[in-house]
Amino acid sequence: MLTKIHAKKGLQLVLGLLMGIVFGFLLQKGGVNRYDVILGQLLLEDFTVVKIMLSAVVTGMIGVYFFKGLGWVKLQPKAGSVGMNVWGGLFFGIAFAILGYCPGTVIGAIGNGSLDALAGGLTGMLVGTGLFAAVYPKFLKAVVQKGFFGEITFPELLKVNPWVMVAIFSGMIIVILYLLEISGL
């Protein structure tokens, strides 16, 4: 079923646009594109962002492996390395802490009319992307390839049935969500 969609590039664009609109709507309804909510998360006072993200992770894990089991999708993990994760997390975290938005929430905030997101967020994403593209071949390529681990998933790495990992991670996330909820965070 999904291979037919994969073959039609125009349909993919339309579906991508529709999913982006739904994603933006849900971000807005969840309130995670508001600066004060994100700042509260960074200050460990408001865990709305964590709750939404962890709920999305559980839903996504179950959905991906369910569709994989039906043969509707094929996992295509991207190659990774410790260097990519460390440097990517560092740059993302610094920008997130300075501006108070991540790429998804900055677009949602722009849609809500937030000028700080438009001026700082969109400009920062464009400048940061340009700088990375300019610097990567000369300086960063060797650094981010450190600790290369290739195209592998946790179940493949640990040689276990994917549903075992889904159950373990889902259980852990549900416990975390429950603890956050009963603590009032």
N, C-alpha and C. Protein backbone atom coordinates (compact mmCIF):
# COMPACT_ATOMS: atom_id res chain seq x y z
N MET A 1 0.81 -1.19 0.00
CA MET A 1 0.00 0.00 0.00
C MET A 1 0.86 1.26 0.00
N LEU A 2 1.79 1.36 0.94
CA LEU A 2 2.61 2.57 1.03
C LEU A 2 3.65 2.66 -0.08
N THR A 3 3.99 1.55 -0.72
CA THR A 3 4.94 1.62 -1.84
C THR A 3 4.32 2.36 -3.01
N LYS A 4 3.01 2.30 -3.16
CA LYS A 4 2.33 3.07 -4.21
C LYS A 4 2.46 4.56 -3.94
N ILE A 5 2.30 4.94 -2.68
CA ILE A 5 2.47 6.34 -2.31
C ILE A 5 3.92 6.77 -2.53
N HIS A 6 4.85 5.89 -2.18
CA HIS A 6 6.28 6.21 -2.34
C HIS A 6 6.63 6.48 -3.79
N ALA A 7 5.96 5.84 -4.71
CA ALA A 7 6.25 6.00 -6.13
C ALA A 7 5.70 7.31 -6.69
N LYS A 8 4.77 7.93 -6.01
CA LYS A 8 4.12 9.15 -6.50
C LYS A 8 4.65 10.36 -5.73
N LYS A 9 5.61 11.06 -6.33
CA LYS A 9 6.27 12.18 -5.64
C LYS A 9 5.32 13.33 -5.34
N GLY A 10 4.40 13.63 -6.27
CA GLY A 10 3.44 14.71 -6.04
C GLY A 10 2.55 14.41 -4.86
N LEU A 11 2.09 13.17 -4.76
CA LEU A 11 1.25 12.76 -3.64
C LEU A 11 2.03 12.85 -2.33
N GLN A 12 3.31 12.52 -2.38
CA GLN A 12 4.14 12.63 -1.17
C GLN A 12 4.20 14.07 -0.69
N LEU A 13 4.34 15.01 -1.64
CA LEU A 13 4.40 16.42 -1.26
C LEU A 13 3.09 16.88 -0.63
N VAL A 14 1.98 16.47 -1.21
CA VAL A 14 0.68 16.85 -0.66
C VAL A 14 0.50 16.25 0.73
N LEU A 15 0.82 14.95 0.87
CA LEU A 15 0.71 14.31 2.18
C LEU A 15 1.65 14.95 3.20
N GLY A 16 2.86 15.30 2.77
CA GLY A 16 3.81 15.98 3.66
C GLY A 16 3.28 17.32 4.12
N LEU A 17 2.68 18.07 3.21
CA LEU A 17 2.09 19.36 3.57
C LEU A 17 0.96 19.17 4.56
N LEU A 18 0.08 18.21 4.28
CA LEU A 18 -1.05 17.96 5.19
C LEU A 18 -0.57 17.51 6.56
N MET A 19 0.43 16.62 6.60
CA MET A 19 0.97 16.17 7.89
C MET A 19 1.64 17.33 8.63
N GLY A 20 2.30 18.21 7.90
CA GLY A 20 2.91 19.39 8.51
C GLY A 20 1.88 20.31 9.13
N ILE A 21 0.76 20.47 8.43
CA ILE A 21 -0.32 21.30 8.97
C ILE A 21 -0.89 20.67 10.23
N VAL A 22 -1.13 19.36 10.20
CA VAL A 22 -1.63 18.66 11.37
C VAL A 22 -0.63 18.77 12.53
N PHE A 23 0.66 18.57 12.22
CA PHE A 23 1.70 18.67 13.25
C PHE A 23 1.71 20.06 13.86
N GLY A 24 1.68 21.09 13.03
CA GLY A 24 1.67 22.47 13.52
C GLY A 24 0.43 22.76 14.37
N PHE A 25 -0.72 22.25 13.92
CA PHE A 25 -1.96 22.42 14.68
C PHE A 25 -1.84 21.79 16.06
N LEU A 26 -1.30 20.57 16.09
CA LEU A 26 -1.16 19.87 17.37
C LEU A 26 -0.14 20.55 18.28
N LEU A 27 0.94 21.08 17.70
CA LEU A 27 1.91 21.84 18.51
C LEU A 27 1.23 23.05 19.12
N GLN A 28 0.44 23.74 18.30
CA GLN A 28 -0.25 24.94 18.77
C GLN A 28 -1.27 24.59 19.85
N LYS A 29 -2.05 23.54 19.64
CA LYS A 29 -3.06 23.14 20.62
C LYS A 29 -2.41 22.67 21.92
N GLY A 30 -1.25 22.03 21.82
CA GLY A 30 -0.53 21.59 23.02
C GLY A 30 0.17 22.72 23.73
N GLY A 31 0.28 23.87 23.07
CA GLY A 31 0.91 25.04 23.67
C GLY A 31 2.42 25.03 23.66
N VAL A 32 3.02 24.07 22.96
CA VAL A 32 4.48 23.96 23.00
C VAL A 32 5.19 24.90 22.04
N ASN A 33 4.45 25.71 21.32
CA ASN A 33 5.11 26.71 20.48
C ASN A 33 5.06 28.09 21.15
N ARG A 34 4.68 28.12 22.43
CA ARG A 34 4.68 29.36 23.19
C ARG A 34 6.00 29.47 23.96
N TYR A 35 6.59 30.62 23.89
CA TYR A 35 7.90 30.84 24.52
C TYR A 35 7.87 30.54 26.01
N ASP A 36 6.82 30.96 26.72
CA ASP A 36 6.78 30.76 28.17
C ASP A 36 6.72 29.28 28.54
N VAL A 37 6.07 28.46 27.71
CA VAL A 37 6.01 27.02 27.96
C VAL A 37 7.40 26.40 27.76
N ILE A 38 8.05 26.81 26.68
CA ILE A 38 9.39 26.27 26.40
C ILE A 38 10.39 26.74 27.46
N LEU A 39 10.30 27.99 27.85
CA LEU A 39 11.18 28.50 28.90
C LEU A 39 10.93 27.74 30.20
N GLY A 40 9.67 27.47 30.52
CA GLY A 40 9.34 26.68 31.70
C GLY A 40 9.96 25.29 31.65
N GLN A 41 10.00 24.71 30.45
CA GLN A 41 10.63 23.39 30.29
C GLN A 41 12.13 23.49 30.54
N LEU A 42 12.75 24.51 29.95
CA LEU A 42 14.20 24.67 30.12
C LEU A 42 14.57 24.94 31.58
N LEU A 43 13.67 25.57 32.32
CA LEU A 43 13.90 25.84 33.73
C LEU A 43 13.43 24.70 34.63
N LEU A 44 12.95 23.62 34.02
CA LEU A 44 12.44 22.43 34.72
C LEU A 44 11.26 22.78 35.64
N GLU A 45 10.41 23.70 35.18
CA GLU A 45 9.23 24.09 35.93
C GLU A 45 7.93 23.63 35.26
N ASP A 46 7.94 23.47 33.94
CA ASP A 46 6.75 23.10 33.18
C ASP A 46 7.14 21.96 32.24
N PHE A 47 6.58 20.78 32.44
CA PHE A 47 6.98 19.61 31.67
C PHE A 47 6.01 19.27 30.54
N THR A 48 5.28 20.27 30.05
CA THR A 48 4.35 20.07 28.94
C THR A 48 5.08 19.53 27.71
N VAL A 49 6.21 20.11 27.39
CA VAL A 49 6.97 19.70 26.20
C VAL A 49 7.41 18.24 26.33
N VAL A 50 7.94 17.87 27.48
CA VAL A 50 8.41 16.49 27.70
C VAL A 50 7.23 15.52 27.60
N LYS A 51 6.10 15.89 28.18
CA LYS A 51 4.93 15.01 28.13
C LYS A 51 4.47 14.77 26.69
N ILE A 52 4.43 15.83 25.91
CA ILE A 52 3.99 15.70 24.51
C ILE A 52 5.00 14.88 23.71
N MET A 53 6.28 15.16 23.90
CA MET A 53 7.31 14.44 23.14
C MET A 53 7.35 12.96 23.52
N LEU A 54 7.27 12.65 24.79
CA LEU A 54 7.30 11.25 25.20
C LEU A 54 6.05 10.50 24.72
N SER A 55 4.91 11.17 24.74
CA SER A 55 3.69 10.55 24.20
C SER A 55 3.85 10.28 22.71
N ALA A 56 4.47 11.20 22.00
CA ALA A 56 4.71 11.02 20.57
C ALA A 56 5.69 9.87 20.31
N VAL A 57 6.70 9.73 21.16
CA VAL A 57 7.67 8.65 20.99
C VAL A 57 6.99 7.29 21.16
N VAL A 58 6.15 7.14 22.18
CA VAL A 58 5.45 5.87 22.39
C VAL A 58 4.54 5.58 21.21
N THR A 59 3.77 6.55 20.80
CA THR A 59 2.86 6.38 19.67
C THR A 59 3.63 6.03 18.40
N GLY A 60 4.71 6.74 18.16
CA GLY A 60 5.52 6.49 16.97
C GLY A 60 6.17 5.12 16.97
N MET A 61 6.72 4.72 18.11
CA MET A 61 7.34 3.38 18.20
C MET A 61 6.34 2.29 17.88
N ILE A 62 5.21 2.36 18.53
CA ILE A 62 4.19 1.33 18.31
C ILE A 62 3.72 1.36 16.86
N GLY A 63 3.46 2.54 16.33
CA GLY A 63 2.98 2.67 14.96
C GLY A 63 3.98 2.17 13.93
N VAL A 64 5.24 2.56 14.08
CA VAL A 64 6.27 2.14 13.12
C VAL A 64 6.44 0.63 13.10
N TYR A 65 6.54 0.01 14.25
CA TYR A 65 6.75 -1.43 14.28
C TYR A 65 5.48 -2.21 13.93
N PHE A 66 4.31 -1.62 14.19
CA PHE A 66 3.06 -2.25 13.75
C PHE A 66 3.00 -2.27 12.22
N PHE A 67 3.27 -1.11 11.60
CA PHE A 67 3.25 -1.03 10.14
C PHE A 67 4.36 -1.87 9.52
N LYS A 68 5.51 -1.95 10.20
CA LYS A 68 6.60 -2.80 9.72
C LYS A 68 6.17 -4.26 9.75
N GLY A 69 5.49 -4.65 10.81
CA GLY A 69 5.01 -6.03 10.93
C GLY A 69 4.01 -6.39 9.85
N LEU A 70 3.22 -5.40 9.42
CA LEU A 70 2.26 -5.63 8.34
C LEU A 70 2.92 -5.61 6.96
N GLY A 71 4.20 -5.21 6.92
CA GLY A 71 4.91 -5.11 5.66
C GLY A 71 4.61 -3.83 4.89
N TRP A 72 4.01 -2.86 5.57
CA TRP A 72 3.67 -1.60 4.91
C TRP A 72 4.84 -0.63 4.84
N VAL A 73 5.78 -0.75 5.74
CA VAL A 73 6.93 0.14 5.75
C VAL A 73 8.21 -0.68 5.92
N LYS A 74 9.29 -0.08 5.49
CA LYS A 74 10.62 -0.68 5.67
C LYS A 74 11.47 0.36 6.39
N LEU A 75 12.07 -0.06 7.48
CA LEU A 75 12.92 0.88 8.22
C LEU A 75 14.18 1.19 7.41
N GLN A 76 14.52 2.45 7.38
CA GLN A 76 15.74 2.88 6.70
C GLN A 76 16.50 3.82 7.63
N PRO A 77 17.10 3.25 8.69
CA PRO A 77 17.81 4.13 9.63
C PRO A 77 18.99 4.82 8.95
N LYS A 78 19.23 6.03 9.37
CA LYS A 78 20.37 6.79 8.86
C LYS A 78 21.62 6.41 9.66
N ALA A 79 22.73 6.40 8.98
CA ALA A 79 24.00 6.10 9.65
C ALA A 79 24.28 7.17 10.70
N GLY A 80 24.89 6.76 11.78
CA GLY A 80 25.18 7.70 12.85
C GLY A 80 26.54 7.47 13.46
N SER A 81 26.89 8.37 14.35
CA SER A 81 28.15 8.26 15.08
C SER A 81 28.01 9.01 16.40
N VAL A 82 28.89 8.70 17.31
CA VAL A 82 28.92 9.41 18.58
C VAL A 82 29.19 10.89 18.32
N GLY A 83 30.11 11.18 17.41
CA GLY A 83 30.44 12.57 17.07
C GLY A 83 29.23 13.34 16.56
N MET A 84 28.45 12.71 15.69
CA MET A 84 27.24 13.38 15.17
C MET A 84 26.28 13.71 16.30
N ASN A 85 26.07 12.75 17.18
CA ASN A 85 25.13 12.95 18.28
C ASN A 85 25.62 14.00 19.27
N VAL A 86 26.90 13.97 19.61
CA VAL A 86 27.42 14.93 20.58
C VAL A 86 27.40 16.34 20.00
N TRP A 87 27.96 16.52 18.81
CA TRP A 87 28.01 17.86 18.22
C TRP A 87 26.63 18.36 17.82
N GLY A 88 25.80 17.49 17.27
CA GLY A 88 24.45 17.89 16.91
C GLY A 88 23.65 18.30 18.14
N GLY A 89 23.75 17.50 19.20
CA GLY A 89 23.06 17.83 20.44
C GLY A 89 23.56 19.11 21.08
N LEU A 90 24.87 19.31 21.00
CA LEU A 90 25.47 20.52 21.57
C LEU A 90 24.98 21.77 20.85
N PHE A 91 25.06 21.77 19.51
CA PHE A 91 24.62 22.94 18.73
C PHE A 91 23.12 23.15 18.88
N PHE A 92 22.36 22.09 18.82
CA PHE A 92 20.91 22.19 18.98
C PHE A 92 20.57 22.75 20.36
N GLY A 93 21.21 22.21 21.39
CA GLY A 93 20.94 22.64 22.76
C GLY A 93 21.28 24.09 23.00
N ILE A 94 22.41 24.53 22.47
CA ILE A 94 22.81 25.93 22.64
C ILE A 94 21.80 26.85 21.97
N ALA A 95 21.45 26.54 20.73
CA ALA A 95 20.49 27.38 20.00
C ALA A 95 19.12 27.35 20.68
N PHE A 96 18.72 26.19 21.15
CA PHE A 96 17.43 26.03 21.83
C PHE A 96 17.41 26.86 23.10
N ALA A 97 18.50 26.82 23.87
CA ALA A 97 18.57 27.57 25.13
C ALA A 97 18.62 29.08 24.88
N ILE A 98 19.31 29.50 23.82
CA ILE A 98 19.41 30.94 23.54
C ILE A 98 18.08 31.50 23.06
N LEU A 99 17.45 30.82 22.12
CA LEU A 99 16.24 31.34 21.50
C LEU A 99 14.97 30.89 22.21
N GLY A 100 14.96 29.68 22.73
CA GLY A 100 13.77 29.17 23.38
C GLY A 100 12.82 28.46 22.42
N TYR A 101 13.31 28.10 21.25
CA TYR A 101 12.50 27.37 20.27
C TYR A 101 13.36 26.29 19.63
N CYS A 102 12.71 25.20 19.22
CA CYS A 102 13.37 24.22 18.37
C CYS A 102 12.81 24.41 16.96
N PRO A 103 13.34 23.74 15.95
CA PRO A 103 12.86 23.99 14.58
C PRO A 103 11.35 23.84 14.39
N GLY A 104 10.75 22.83 14.99
CA GLY A 104 9.31 22.65 14.84
C GLY A 104 8.52 23.74 15.54
N THR A 105 8.91 24.07 16.75
CA THR A 105 8.15 25.08 17.49
C THR A 105 8.40 26.48 16.97
N VAL A 106 9.54 26.73 16.36
CA VAL A 106 9.78 28.06 15.80
C VAL A 106 8.84 28.31 14.62
N ILE A 107 8.60 27.31 13.81
CA ILE A 107 7.67 27.47 12.69
C ILE A 107 6.25 27.66 13.21
N GLY A 108 5.88 26.90 14.24
CA GLY A 108 4.56 27.07 14.85
C GLY A 108 4.40 28.46 15.45
N ALA A 109 5.44 28.95 16.11
CA ALA A 109 5.39 30.28 16.71
C ALA A 109 5.30 31.36 15.63
N ILE A 110 5.98 31.18 14.52
CA ILE A 110 5.87 32.12 13.40
C ILE A 110 4.42 32.14 12.91
N GLY A 111 3.82 30.95 12.81
CA GLY A 111 2.42 30.86 12.40
C GLY A 111 1.48 31.57 13.37
N ASN A 112 1.87 31.66 14.62
CA ASN A 112 1.08 32.38 15.63
C ASN A 112 1.39 33.88 15.63
N GLY A 113 2.33 34.30 14.80
CA GLY A 113 2.66 35.72 14.71
C GLY A 113 3.78 36.18 15.61
N SER A 114 4.59 35.27 16.13
CA SER A 114 5.68 35.62 17.02
C SER A 114 6.86 36.18 16.23
N LEU A 115 7.14 37.46 16.44
CA LEU A 115 8.22 38.11 15.70
C LEU A 115 9.60 37.64 16.14
N ASP A 116 9.77 37.30 17.43
CA ASP A 116 11.07 36.80 17.88
C ASP A 116 11.40 35.48 17.20
N ALA A 117 10.39 34.66 16.98
CA ALA A 117 10.61 33.39 16.27
C ALA A 117 10.96 33.63 14.82
N LEU A 118 10.30 34.60 14.21
CA LEU A 118 10.58 34.91 12.81
C LEU A 118 11.99 35.50 12.66
N ALA A 119 12.29 36.52 13.46
CA ALA A 119 13.58 37.18 13.32
C ALA A 119 14.73 36.30 13.80
N GLY A 120 14.63 35.78 15.01
CA GLY A 120 15.73 34.99 15.56
C GLY A 120 15.72 33.55 15.10
N GLY A 121 14.55 32.93 15.10
CA GLY A 121 14.46 31.50 14.79
C GLY A 121 14.72 31.17 13.34
N LEU A 122 13.96 31.79 12.45
CA LEU A 122 14.13 31.49 11.03
C LEU A 122 15.50 31.94 10.54
N THR A 123 15.91 33.13 10.97
CA THR A 123 17.24 33.62 10.59
C THR A 123 18.33 32.70 11.13
N GLY A 124 18.19 32.29 12.38
CA GLY A 124 19.17 31.39 12.99
C GLY A 124 19.26 30.05 12.27
N MET A 125 18.10 29.50 11.88
CA MET A 125 18.12 28.22 11.16
C MET A 125 18.81 28.36 9.81
N LEU A 126 18.51 29.45 9.10
CA LEU A 126 19.11 29.64 7.78
C LEU A 126 20.62 29.91 7.88
N VAL A 127 21.02 30.78 8.81
CA VAL A 127 22.44 31.08 8.99
C VAL A 127 23.19 29.85 9.51
N GLY A 128 22.62 29.17 10.48
CA GLY A 128 23.26 27.97 11.03
C GLY A 128 23.43 26.88 9.98
N THR A 129 22.41 26.68 9.16
CA THR A 129 22.50 25.69 8.09
C THR A 129 23.59 26.06 7.09
N GLY A 130 23.63 27.34 6.74
CA GLY A 130 24.65 27.81 5.80
C GLY A 130 26.06 27.66 6.35
N LEU A 131 26.24 28.03 7.61
CA LEU A 131 27.56 27.88 8.24
C LEU A 131 27.98 26.42 8.32
N PHE A 132 27.05 25.56 8.71
CA PHE A 132 27.37 24.14 8.79
C PHE A 132 27.78 23.60 7.42
N ALA A 133 27.03 23.96 6.39
CA ALA A 133 27.35 23.48 5.03
C ALA A 133 28.70 23.98 4.58
N ALA A 134 29.07 25.20 4.97
CA ALA A 134 30.35 25.76 4.57
C ALA A 134 31.52 25.14 5.34
N VAL A 135 31.33 24.87 6.62
CA VAL A 135 32.40 24.40 7.49
C VAL A 135 32.55 22.87 7.46
N TYR A 136 31.47 22.16 7.23
CA TYR A 136 31.46 20.70 7.33
C TYR A 136 32.56 20.01 6.51
N PRO A 137 32.68 20.29 5.22
CA PRO A 137 33.68 19.52 4.45
C PRO A 137 35.11 19.74 4.90
N LYS A 138 35.42 20.95 5.38
CA LYS A 138 36.80 21.28 5.72
C LYS A 138 37.18 20.92 7.15
N PHE A 139 36.24 21.11 8.08
CA PHE A 139 36.59 20.99 9.48
C PHE A 139 35.80 19.94 10.26
N LEU A 140 34.53 19.82 9.98
CA LEU A 140 33.68 18.99 10.83
C LEU A 140 33.54 17.54 10.39
N LYS A 141 33.78 17.25 9.13
CA LYS A 141 33.52 15.90 8.63
C LYS A 141 34.28 14.85 9.44
N ALA A 142 35.56 15.09 9.69
CA ALA A 142 36.35 14.11 10.45
C ALA A 142 35.90 14.02 11.91
N VAL A 143 35.48 15.16 12.47
CA VAL A 143 35.07 15.19 13.86
C VAL A 143 33.76 14.43 14.07
N VAL A 144 32.77 14.66 13.19
CA VAL A 144 31.47 14.03 13.39
C VAL A 144 31.48 12.55 13.03
N GLN A 145 32.50 12.08 12.35
CA GLN A 145 32.57 10.65 12.02
C GLN A 145 33.17 9.81 13.14
N LYS A 146 33.64 10.46 14.20
CA LYS A 146 34.22 9.73 15.35
C LYS A 146 33.15 8.83 15.97
N GLY A 147 33.51 7.60 16.24
CA GLY A 147 32.59 6.66 16.87
C GLY A 147 31.48 6.21 15.93
N PHE A 148 31.78 6.07 14.66
CA PHE A 148 30.78 5.69 13.66
C PHE A 148 30.16 4.35 14.01
N PHE A 149 28.84 4.26 14.03
CA PHE A 149 28.17 2.99 14.32
C PHE A 149 27.24 2.53 13.21
N GLY A 150 27.15 3.27 12.13
CA GLY A 150 26.42 2.81 10.95
C GLY A 150 24.92 2.90 11.06
N GLU A 151 24.25 2.15 10.19
CA GLU A 151 22.78 2.16 10.10
C GLU A 151 22.22 1.01 10.93
N ILE A 152 21.99 1.27 12.21
CA ILE A 152 21.55 0.20 13.09
C ILE A 152 20.49 0.74 14.06
N THR A 153 19.58 -0.13 14.43
CA THR A 153 18.56 0.22 15.42
C THR A 153 18.90 -0.48 16.73
N PHE A 154 18.28 -0.05 17.83
CA PHE A 154 18.52 -0.70 19.12
C PHE A 154 18.22 -2.21 19.08
N PRO A 155 17.07 -2.63 18.52
CA PRO A 155 16.82 -4.07 18.48
C PRO A 155 17.89 -4.84 17.70
N GLU A 156 18.39 -4.26 16.62
CA GLU A 156 19.45 -4.93 15.85
C GLU A 156 20.74 -4.97 16.66
N LEU A 157 21.05 -3.89 17.33
CA LEU A 157 22.26 -3.82 18.13
C LEU A 157 22.24 -4.85 19.26
N LEU A 158 21.10 -4.97 19.91
CA LEU A 158 20.97 -5.88 21.05
C LEU A 158 20.52 -7.28 20.66
N LYS A 159 20.23 -7.46 19.37
CA LYS A 159 19.80 -8.76 18.83
C LYS A 159 18.57 -9.30 19.57
N VAL A 160 17.55 -8.43 19.69
CA VAL A 160 16.30 -8.82 20.32
C VAL A 160 15.14 -8.49 19.38
N ASN A 161 14.01 -9.11 19.63
CA ASN A 161 12.80 -8.80 18.89
C ASN A 161 12.45 -7.33 19.11
N PRO A 162 12.12 -6.59 18.05
CA PRO A 162 11.80 -5.16 18.22
C PRO A 162 10.69 -4.90 19.22
N TRP A 163 9.71 -5.81 19.31
CA TRP A 163 8.61 -5.60 20.25
C TRP A 163 9.07 -5.66 21.70
N VAL A 164 10.17 -6.34 21.96
CA VAL A 164 10.72 -6.35 23.32
C VAL A 164 11.19 -4.93 23.67
N MET A 165 11.89 -4.31 22.72
CA MET A 165 12.37 -2.93 22.95
C MET A 165 11.20 -1.97 23.05
N VAL A 166 10.19 -2.14 22.18
CA VAL A 166 9.01 -1.28 22.22
C VAL A 166 8.34 -1.40 23.59
N ALA A 167 8.18 -2.61 24.08
CA ALA A 167 7.54 -2.82 25.38
C ALA A 167 8.36 -2.19 26.51
N ILE A 168 9.68 -2.39 26.49
CA ILE A 168 10.54 -1.85 27.55
C ILE A 168 10.51 -0.32 27.54
N PHE A 169 10.76 0.27 26.36
CA PHE A 169 10.78 1.73 26.28
C PHE A 169 9.41 2.34 26.55
N SER A 170 8.36 1.71 26.02
CA SER A 170 7.00 2.22 26.27
C SER A 170 6.69 2.16 27.76
N GLY A 171 7.03 1.06 28.41
CA GLY A 171 6.80 0.93 29.85
C GLY A 171 7.54 2.00 30.63
N MET A 172 8.81 2.21 30.29
CA MET A 172 9.60 3.24 30.98
C MET A 172 8.99 4.62 30.77
N ILE A 173 8.59 4.91 29.55
CA ILE A 173 8.03 6.23 29.25
C ILE A 173 6.70 6.43 29.96
N ILE A 174 5.87 5.40 29.98
CA ILE A 174 4.58 5.50 30.67
C ILE A 174 4.79 5.75 32.17
N VAL A 175 5.76 5.09 32.76
CA VAL A 175 6.07 5.33 34.18
C VAL A 175 6.53 6.77 34.38
N ILE A 176 7.40 7.26 33.51
CA ILE A 176 7.87 8.65 33.61
C ILE A 176 6.69 9.62 33.48
N LEU A 177 5.83 9.39 32.49
CA LEU A 177 4.66 10.26 32.31
C LEU A 177 3.75 10.23 33.54
N TYR A 178 3.56 9.05 34.10
CA TYR A 178 2.73 8.92 35.29
C TYR A 178 3.34 9.69 36.47
N LEU A 179 4.65 9.53 36.65
CA LEU A 179 5.33 10.24 37.76
C LEU A 179 5.27 11.75 37.58
N LEU A 180 5.42 12.21 36.35
CA LEU A 180 5.31 13.64 36.08
C LEU A 180 3.89 14.14 36.40
N GLU A 181 2.92 13.34 36.02
CA GLU A 181 1.52 13.75 36.23
C GLU A 181 1.16 13.78 37.71
N ILE A 182 1.53 12.75 38.46
CA ILE A 182 1.15 12.76 39.89
C ILE A 182 1.96 13.78 40.71
N SER A 183 3.13 14.16 40.18
CA SER A 183 3.92 15.16 40.90
C SER A 183 3.45 16.58 40.60
N GLY A 184 2.56 16.71 39.62
CA GLY A 184 2.03 18.03 39.28
C GLY A 184 2.93 18.85 38.38
N LEU A 185 3.93 18.22 37.80
CA LEU A 185 4.85 18.95 36.91
C LEU A 185 4.33 19.04 35.51
